[in-house]
């Protein structure tokens, strides 16, 4: 299993949890982003810089991932593409996305996008909190434990 991080929008706190998990378990982890960023020096952690075109990072992740890999993203279309390729997806707030819930998440996202395009105002997500970090870390630990046992 390889861990792919949609790194441009992933909170620093979630990245730190992922860096520690990759080192603890010995998993390869790659951050994919359209801007340079700092990350720990490790043979397990790498960085892939993509151009600044919309969805460049998403497209690169989809191109590189293999069935069974883990994608960490809050991007619903990227999540759907990863799930179609038999990858696992966890969002940075700790929600595990899969075949059972991605359809409803896509529908909600599409509805909200149409609402915004028609002039509707929708507040963004709340700031990333300590509770979000705990939820993410707990979900990641449960997921990795299950994958390593199975």
N, C-alpha and C. Protein backbone atom coordinates (compact mmCIF):
# COMPACT_ATOMS: atom_id res chain seq x y z
N UNK A 1 0.84 -1.18 0.00
CA UNK A 1 0.00 0.00 0.00
C UNK A 1 0.89 1.24 0.00
N UNK A 2 0.47 2.21 -0.77
CA UNK A 2 1.15 3.51 -0.85
C UNK A 2 0.14 4.55 -0.39
N UNK A 3 0.58 5.56 0.33
CA UNK A 3 -0.29 6.64 0.76
C UNK A 3 -0.04 7.84 -0.14
N UNK A 4 -1.11 8.37 -0.75
CA UNK A 4 -1.05 9.54 -1.61
C UNK A 4 -1.79 10.67 -0.91
N UNK A 5 -1.14 11.83 -0.79
CA UNK A 5 -1.78 12.98 -0.14
C UNK A 5 -2.02 14.06 -1.18
N UNK A 6 -3.28 14.47 -1.30
CA UNK A 6 -3.65 15.65 -2.08
C UNK A 6 -3.22 16.83 -1.22
N UNK A 7 -1.96 17.23 -1.37
CA UNK A 7 -1.28 18.02 -0.34
C UNK A 7 -1.59 19.51 -0.35
N UNK A 8 -2.04 20.07 -1.46
CA UNK A 8 -2.29 21.52 -1.48
C UNK A 8 -3.31 21.94 -0.43
N UNK A 9 -4.35 21.15 -0.24
CA UNK A 9 -5.43 21.54 0.67
C UNK A 9 -5.44 20.73 1.97
N UNK A 10 -4.53 19.81 2.12
CA UNK A 10 -4.51 18.97 3.32
C UNK A 10 -3.92 19.78 4.48
N UNK A 11 -4.63 19.85 5.60
CA UNK A 11 -4.12 20.61 6.75
C UNK A 11 -2.76 20.07 7.23
N UNK A 12 -1.91 20.97 7.67
CA UNK A 12 -0.59 20.59 8.16
C UNK A 12 -0.68 19.56 9.29
N UNK A 13 -1.70 19.71 10.15
CA UNK A 13 -1.86 18.78 11.27
C UNK A 13 -2.12 17.36 10.78
N UNK A 14 -2.91 17.21 9.73
CA UNK A 14 -3.18 15.88 9.17
C UNK A 14 -1.92 15.32 8.52
N UNK A 15 -1.16 16.17 7.84
CA UNK A 15 0.10 15.70 7.23
C UNK A 15 1.04 15.17 8.29
N UNK A 16 1.13 15.87 9.43
CA UNK A 16 2.01 15.41 10.51
C UNK A 16 1.60 14.02 11.01
N UNK A 17 0.30 13.80 11.15
CA UNK A 17 -0.20 12.48 11.55
C UNK A 17 0.23 11.43 10.52
N UNK A 18 0.10 11.77 9.25
CA UNK A 18 0.46 10.84 8.18
C UNK A 18 1.96 10.56 8.15
N UNK A 19 2.78 11.58 8.35
CA UNK A 19 4.23 11.38 8.36
C UNK A 19 4.62 10.41 9.46
N UNK A 20 4.05 10.61 10.66
CA UNK A 20 4.36 9.71 11.79
C UNK A 20 3.89 8.28 11.50
N UNK A 21 2.70 8.14 10.93
CA UNK A 21 2.17 6.81 10.63
C UNK A 21 3.03 6.10 9.58
N UNK A 22 3.44 6.80 8.54
CA UNK A 22 4.27 6.19 7.50
C UNK A 22 5.59 5.69 8.09
N UNK A 23 6.20 6.50 8.94
CA UNK A 23 7.46 6.10 9.56
C UNK A 23 7.26 4.92 10.52
N UNK A 24 6.19 4.98 11.31
CA UNK A 24 5.92 3.93 12.31
C UNK A 24 5.68 2.58 11.64
N UNK A 25 4.95 2.59 10.53
CA UNK A 25 4.55 1.33 9.90
C UNK A 25 5.47 0.95 8.74
N UNK A 26 6.20 1.92 8.21
CA UNK A 26 7.10 1.63 7.10
C UNK A 26 6.42 1.69 5.74
N UNK A 27 5.46 2.60 5.59
CA UNK A 27 4.74 2.73 4.31
C UNK A 27 5.27 3.91 3.51
N UNK A 28 5.30 3.74 2.20
CA UNK A 28 5.67 4.83 1.30
C UNK A 28 4.54 5.85 1.28
N UNK A 29 4.90 7.12 1.31
CA UNK A 29 3.94 8.21 1.31
C UNK A 29 4.42 9.25 0.31
N UNK A 30 3.50 9.75 -0.53
CA UNK A 30 3.85 10.80 -1.49
C UNK A 30 2.88 11.95 -1.37
N UNK A 31 3.43 13.14 -1.20
CA UNK A 31 2.63 14.36 -1.24
C UNK A 31 2.61 14.82 -2.70
N UNK A 32 1.43 15.19 -3.20
CA UNK A 32 1.32 15.70 -4.56
C UNK A 32 0.71 17.09 -4.46
N UNK A 33 1.41 18.09 -5.02
CA UNK A 33 0.96 19.47 -4.89
C UNK A 33 1.49 20.32 -6.05
N UNK A 34 0.88 21.49 -6.22
CA UNK A 34 1.33 22.39 -7.27
C UNK A 34 2.22 23.51 -6.74
N UNK A 35 2.68 23.36 -5.51
CA UNK A 35 3.63 24.31 -4.94
C UNK A 35 4.56 23.55 -4.00
N UNK A 36 5.78 24.05 -3.87
CA UNK A 36 6.74 23.39 -2.99
C UNK A 36 6.27 23.46 -1.55
N UNK A 37 6.61 22.45 -0.79
CA UNK A 37 6.27 22.44 0.63
C UNK A 37 7.32 21.66 1.40
N UNK A 38 7.37 21.91 2.67
CA UNK A 38 8.33 21.22 3.54
C UNK A 38 7.75 19.88 3.98
N UNK A 39 8.64 18.91 4.09
CA UNK A 39 8.26 17.60 4.60
C UNK A 39 9.51 16.95 5.18
N UNK A 40 9.34 16.00 6.07
CA UNK A 40 10.50 15.38 6.72
C UNK A 40 11.38 14.63 5.73
N UNK A 41 12.67 14.68 5.97
CA UNK A 41 13.60 13.87 5.17
C UNK A 41 13.43 12.41 5.61
N UNK A 42 13.08 11.59 4.65
CA UNK A 42 12.86 10.17 4.93
C UNK A 42 12.87 9.42 3.61
N UNK A 43 13.37 8.21 3.65
CA UNK A 43 13.34 7.38 2.45
C UNK A 43 11.90 6.93 2.14
N UNK A 44 10.99 7.11 3.10
CA UNK A 44 9.60 6.70 2.91
C UNK A 44 8.71 7.82 2.39
N UNK A 45 9.17 9.07 2.49
CA UNK A 45 8.33 10.22 2.16
C UNK A 45 8.90 10.93 0.95
N UNK A 46 8.04 11.12 -0.07
CA UNK A 46 8.48 11.82 -1.28
C UNK A 46 7.47 12.90 -1.65
N UNK A 47 7.88 13.72 -2.59
CA UNK A 47 7.06 14.86 -3.02
C UNK A 47 7.02 14.90 -4.53
N UNK A 48 5.83 15.09 -5.08
CA UNK A 48 5.64 15.20 -6.52
C UNK A 48 5.06 16.57 -6.81
N UNK A 49 5.82 17.40 -7.52
CA UNK A 49 5.37 18.74 -7.90
C UNK A 49 4.69 18.66 -9.26
N UNK A 50 3.47 19.20 -9.33
CA UNK A 50 2.73 19.25 -10.60
C UNK A 50 2.55 20.71 -11.01
N UNK A 51 2.10 20.92 -12.24
CA UNK A 51 1.87 22.30 -12.68
C UNK A 51 0.65 22.88 -11.98
N UNK A 52 0.39 24.15 -12.19
CA UNK A 52 -0.69 24.82 -11.46
C UNK A 52 -2.03 24.77 -12.17
N UNK A 53 -2.17 23.94 -13.19
CA UNK A 53 -3.47 23.80 -13.85
C UNK A 53 -4.47 23.19 -12.87
N UNK A 54 -5.75 23.58 -13.00
CA UNK A 54 -6.77 22.99 -12.12
C UNK A 54 -6.75 21.46 -12.22
N UNK A 55 -6.85 20.81 -11.10
CA UNK A 55 -6.91 19.35 -10.99
C UNK A 55 -5.63 18.63 -11.40
N UNK A 56 -4.51 19.35 -11.57
CA UNK A 56 -3.27 18.68 -11.95
C UNK A 56 -2.83 17.67 -10.88
N UNK A 57 -2.92 18.06 -9.61
CA UNK A 57 -2.54 17.14 -8.53
C UNK A 57 -3.48 15.93 -8.50
N UNK A 58 -4.78 16.20 -8.63
CA UNK A 58 -5.76 15.11 -8.63
C UNK A 58 -5.46 14.12 -9.76
N UNK A 59 -5.24 14.66 -10.95
CA UNK A 59 -4.99 13.80 -12.12
C UNK A 59 -3.71 12.98 -11.94
N UNK A 60 -2.69 13.58 -11.34
CA UNK A 60 -1.44 12.86 -11.13
C UNK A 60 -1.62 11.73 -10.12
N UNK A 61 -2.37 11.99 -9.07
CA UNK A 61 -2.64 10.94 -8.08
C UNK A 61 -3.37 9.78 -8.75
N UNK A 62 -4.41 10.08 -9.52
CA UNK A 62 -5.18 9.03 -10.20
C UNK A 62 -4.29 8.24 -11.15
N UNK A 63 -3.38 8.93 -11.81
CA UNK A 63 -2.46 8.28 -12.75
C UNK A 63 -1.51 7.31 -12.04
N UNK A 64 -1.08 7.66 -10.84
CA UNK A 64 -0.06 6.87 -10.15
C UNK A 64 -0.60 5.81 -9.20
N UNK A 65 -1.81 5.99 -8.70
CA UNK A 65 -2.26 5.06 -7.66
C UNK A 65 -2.60 3.69 -8.21
N UNK A 66 -2.51 2.73 -7.32
CA UNK A 66 -2.80 1.33 -7.65
C UNK A 66 -3.88 0.82 -6.69
N UNK A 67 -4.60 -0.22 -7.09
CA UNK A 67 -5.62 -0.77 -6.20
C UNK A 67 -5.03 -1.07 -4.82
N UNK A 68 -5.77 -0.71 -3.78
CA UNK A 68 -5.33 -0.94 -2.42
C UNK A 68 -4.57 0.22 -1.80
N UNK A 69 -4.17 1.19 -2.62
CA UNK A 69 -3.50 2.38 -2.08
C UNK A 69 -4.48 3.21 -1.27
N UNK A 70 -3.94 4.12 -0.47
CA UNK A 70 -4.75 5.03 0.33
C UNK A 70 -4.56 6.45 -0.19
N UNK A 71 -5.67 7.15 -0.44
CA UNK A 71 -5.64 8.55 -0.86
C UNK A 71 -6.24 9.38 0.26
N UNK A 72 -5.53 10.43 0.65
CA UNK A 72 -6.02 11.36 1.68
C UNK A 72 -6.37 12.65 0.97
N UNK A 73 -7.66 12.96 0.92
CA UNK A 73 -8.14 14.14 0.22
C UNK A 73 -9.51 14.54 0.72
N UNK A 74 -9.81 15.83 0.59
CA UNK A 74 -11.16 16.33 0.85
C UNK A 74 -11.89 16.57 -0.47
N UNK A 75 -11.23 16.30 -1.58
CA UNK A 75 -11.79 16.53 -2.91
C UNK A 75 -12.70 15.35 -3.29
N UNK A 76 -13.98 15.62 -3.44
CA UNK A 76 -14.95 14.55 -3.70
C UNK A 76 -14.77 13.92 -5.09
N UNK A 77 -14.59 14.70 -6.17
CA UNK A 77 -14.35 14.05 -7.47
C UNK A 77 -13.09 13.17 -7.46
N UNK A 78 -12.02 13.64 -6.82
CA UNK A 78 -10.82 12.81 -6.72
C UNK A 78 -11.12 11.54 -5.92
N UNK A 79 -11.87 11.68 -4.85
CA UNK A 79 -12.25 10.52 -4.05
C UNK A 79 -12.98 9.49 -4.90
N UNK A 80 -13.94 9.95 -5.70
CA UNK A 80 -14.72 9.05 -6.55
C UNK A 80 -13.83 8.32 -7.55
N UNK A 81 -12.89 9.06 -8.16
CA UNK A 81 -11.97 8.42 -9.13
C UNK A 81 -11.09 7.40 -8.45
N UNK A 82 -10.61 7.71 -7.25
CA UNK A 82 -9.76 6.77 -6.53
C UNK A 82 -10.54 5.51 -6.16
N UNK A 83 -11.77 5.68 -5.70
CA UNK A 83 -12.61 4.54 -5.34
C UNK A 83 -12.90 3.67 -6.57
N UNK A 84 -13.12 4.32 -7.72
CA UNK A 84 -13.32 3.57 -8.97
C UNK A 84 -12.12 2.69 -9.29
N UNK A 85 -10.94 3.12 -8.85
CA UNK A 85 -9.71 2.35 -9.11
C UNK A 85 -9.36 1.42 -7.94
N UNK A 86 -10.34 1.17 -7.09
CA UNK A 86 -10.18 0.26 -5.95
C UNK A 86 -9.14 0.73 -4.93
N UNK A 87 -9.02 2.05 -4.80
CA UNK A 87 -8.18 2.61 -3.74
C UNK A 87 -9.07 2.95 -2.56
N UNK A 88 -8.46 3.20 -1.43
CA UNK A 88 -9.15 3.61 -0.21
C UNK A 88 -9.02 5.12 -0.08
N UNK A 89 -10.01 5.76 0.54
CA UNK A 89 -9.99 7.21 0.69
C UNK A 89 -10.40 7.59 2.11
N UNK A 90 -9.61 8.48 2.70
CA UNK A 90 -9.95 9.09 3.99
C UNK A 90 -9.81 10.59 3.81
N UNK A 91 -10.82 11.33 4.26
CA UNK A 91 -10.67 12.79 4.19
C UNK A 91 -9.94 13.27 5.44
N UNK A 92 -9.34 14.47 5.40
CA UNK A 92 -8.53 14.94 6.53
C UNK A 92 -9.29 15.15 7.84
N UNK A 93 -10.62 15.06 7.80
CA UNK A 93 -11.40 15.18 9.04
C UNK A 93 -11.78 13.80 9.59
N UNK A 94 -11.33 12.74 8.91
CA UNK A 94 -11.51 11.40 9.43
C UNK A 94 -12.64 10.59 8.83
N UNK A 95 -13.27 11.07 7.77
CA UNK A 95 -14.34 10.29 7.15
C UNK A 95 -13.75 9.33 6.12
N UNK A 96 -14.09 8.06 6.26
CA UNK A 96 -13.69 7.04 5.31
C UNK A 96 -14.73 7.03 4.19
N UNK A 97 -14.28 7.25 2.97
CA UNK A 97 -15.19 7.26 1.82
C UNK A 97 -15.04 5.95 1.06
N UNK A 98 -16.18 5.42 0.60
CA UNK A 98 -16.16 4.14 -0.11
C UNK A 98 -17.34 4.06 -1.06
N UNK A 99 -17.55 2.90 -1.65
CA UNK A 99 -18.64 2.69 -2.61
C UNK A 99 -20.01 3.00 -1.99
N UNK A 100 -20.13 2.83 -0.69
CA UNK A 100 -21.42 3.01 -0.02
C UNK A 100 -21.81 4.47 0.18
N UNK A 101 -20.83 5.38 0.25
CA UNK A 101 -21.19 6.77 0.54
C UNK A 101 -20.72 7.78 -0.50
N UNK A 102 -19.90 7.38 -1.46
CA UNK A 102 -19.36 8.36 -2.40
C UNK A 102 -20.44 8.90 -3.34
N UNK A 103 -21.43 8.11 -3.69
CA UNK A 103 -22.50 8.59 -4.57
C UNK A 103 -23.26 9.74 -3.96
N UNK A 104 -23.61 9.62 -2.69
CA UNK A 104 -24.35 10.70 -2.04
C UNK A 104 -23.47 11.92 -1.85
N UNK A 105 -22.19 11.73 -1.58
CA UNK A 105 -21.27 12.87 -1.44
C UNK A 105 -21.11 13.60 -2.78
N UNK A 106 -21.04 12.84 -3.88
CA UNK A 106 -20.95 13.47 -5.21
C UNK A 106 -22.22 14.25 -5.53
N UNK A 107 -23.37 13.67 -5.21
CA UNK A 107 -24.65 14.35 -5.47
C UNK A 107 -24.74 15.66 -4.68
N UNK A 108 -24.36 15.62 -3.41
CA UNK A 108 -24.40 16.82 -2.58
C UNK A 108 -23.43 17.86 -3.12
N UNK A 109 -22.23 17.45 -3.50
CA UNK A 109 -21.25 18.37 -4.04
C UNK A 109 -21.76 19.01 -5.33
N UNK A 110 -22.34 18.20 -6.21
CA UNK A 110 -22.86 18.73 -7.48
C UNK A 110 -24.00 19.71 -7.24
N UNK A 111 -24.89 19.39 -6.29
CA UNK A 111 -26.00 20.29 -5.97
C UNK A 111 -25.46 21.63 -5.46
N UNK A 112 -24.51 21.58 -4.53
CA UNK A 112 -23.95 22.81 -3.97
C UNK A 112 -23.20 23.62 -5.03
N UNK A 113 -22.53 22.94 -5.93
CA UNK A 113 -21.83 23.63 -7.02
C UNK A 113 -22.83 24.37 -7.91
N UNK A 114 -23.93 23.72 -8.25
CA UNK A 114 -24.97 24.37 -9.07
C UNK A 114 -25.58 25.55 -8.31
N UNK A 115 -25.78 25.39 -7.03
CA UNK A 115 -26.34 26.47 -6.20
C UNK A 115 -25.40 27.68 -6.22
N UNK A 116 -24.10 27.42 -6.06
CA UNK A 116 -23.10 28.50 -6.10
C UNK A 116 -23.08 29.19 -7.45
N UNK A 117 -23.12 28.39 -8.52
CA UNK A 117 -23.09 28.95 -9.88
C UNK A 117 -24.32 29.81 -10.17
N UNK A 118 -25.42 29.53 -9.49
CA UNK A 118 -26.63 30.31 -9.70
C UNK A 118 -26.69 31.53 -8.77
N UNK A 119 -25.59 31.78 -8.05
CA UNK A 119 -25.52 32.96 -7.20
C UNK A 119 -25.73 32.72 -5.73
N UNK A 120 -25.95 31.49 -5.35
CA UNK A 120 -26.17 31.17 -3.93
C UNK A 120 -24.90 31.30 -3.12
N UNK A 121 -25.04 31.68 -1.88
CA UNK A 121 -23.91 31.82 -0.96
C UNK A 121 -23.87 30.61 -0.02
N UNK A 122 -22.73 29.96 0.01
CA UNK A 122 -22.54 28.80 0.89
C UNK A 122 -21.27 29.03 1.69
N UNK A 123 -21.35 28.95 3.02
CA UNK A 123 -20.12 29.14 3.80
C UNK A 123 -19.16 27.97 3.57
N UNK A 124 -17.89 28.25 3.69
CA UNK A 124 -16.89 27.20 3.56
C UNK A 124 -16.89 26.30 4.78
N UNK A 125 -16.05 25.30 4.77
CA UNK A 125 -15.99 24.41 5.93
C UNK A 125 -15.42 25.14 7.13
N UNK A 126 -15.75 24.67 8.33
CA UNK A 126 -15.20 25.30 9.53
C UNK A 126 -13.68 25.07 9.58
N UNK A 127 -12.98 25.89 10.35
CA UNK A 127 -11.53 25.69 10.49
C UNK A 127 -11.21 24.29 11.01
N UNK A 128 -10.06 23.79 10.62
CA UNK A 128 -9.61 22.48 11.06
C UNK A 128 -9.32 22.57 12.56
N UNK A 129 -9.89 21.65 13.31
CA UNK A 129 -9.81 21.72 14.77
C UNK A 129 -9.02 20.55 15.36
N UNK A 130 -8.74 20.65 16.64
CA UNK A 130 -8.09 19.56 17.36
C UNK A 130 -8.95 18.30 17.30
N UNK A 131 -10.27 18.47 17.34
CA UNK A 131 -11.18 17.33 17.25
C UNK A 131 -11.07 16.68 15.86
N UNK A 132 -10.98 17.50 14.81
CA UNK A 132 -10.80 16.95 13.46
C UNK A 132 -9.52 16.14 13.38
N UNK A 133 -8.45 16.67 13.95
CA UNK A 133 -7.16 15.95 13.94
C UNK A 133 -7.28 14.62 14.67
N UNK A 134 -7.93 14.61 15.83
CA UNK A 134 -8.12 13.36 16.59
C UNK A 134 -8.95 12.36 15.79
N UNK A 135 -10.05 12.85 15.19
CA UNK A 135 -10.88 11.96 14.38
C UNK A 135 -10.08 11.35 13.23
N UNK A 136 -9.29 12.19 12.57
CA UNK A 136 -8.48 11.71 11.46
C UNK A 136 -7.46 10.68 11.94
N UNK A 137 -6.74 11.00 13.00
CA UNK A 137 -5.71 10.09 13.51
C UNK A 137 -6.33 8.75 13.94
N UNK A 138 -7.47 8.79 14.60
CA UNK A 138 -8.14 7.56 15.03
C UNK A 138 -8.61 6.73 13.84
N UNK A 139 -9.22 7.38 12.85
CA UNK A 139 -9.70 6.66 11.67
C UNK A 139 -8.52 6.07 10.90
N UNK A 140 -7.44 6.84 10.75
CA UNK A 140 -6.26 6.34 10.05
C UNK A 140 -5.68 5.13 10.78
N UNK A 141 -5.56 5.20 12.10
CA UNK A 141 -5.03 4.07 12.86
C UNK A 141 -5.91 2.83 12.70
N UNK A 142 -7.23 2.99 12.79
CA UNK A 142 -8.14 1.85 12.61
C UNK A 142 -7.99 1.26 11.21
N UNK A 143 -7.94 2.13 10.21
CA UNK A 143 -7.82 1.68 8.83
C UNK A 143 -6.51 0.91 8.63
N UNK A 144 -5.39 1.49 9.07
CA UNK A 144 -4.11 0.85 8.86
C UNK A 144 -4.00 -0.47 9.61
N UNK A 145 -4.53 -0.51 10.83
CA UNK A 145 -4.52 -1.75 11.59
C UNK A 145 -5.30 -2.84 10.87
N UNK A 146 -6.47 -2.49 10.35
CA UNK A 146 -7.30 -3.45 9.62
C UNK A 146 -6.59 -3.92 8.35
N UNK A 147 -5.97 -3.02 7.62
CA UNK A 147 -5.26 -3.39 6.39
C UNK A 147 -4.06 -4.27 6.67
N UNK A 148 -3.35 -3.99 7.72
CA UNK A 148 -2.15 -4.77 8.02
C UNK A 148 -2.48 -6.13 8.58
N UNK A 149 -3.64 -6.25 9.24
CA UNK A 149 -4.08 -7.56 9.73
C UNK A 149 -4.63 -8.42 8.61
N UNK A 150 -5.31 -7.78 7.65
CA UNK A 150 -6.03 -8.49 6.59
C UNK A 150 -5.15 -8.93 5.50
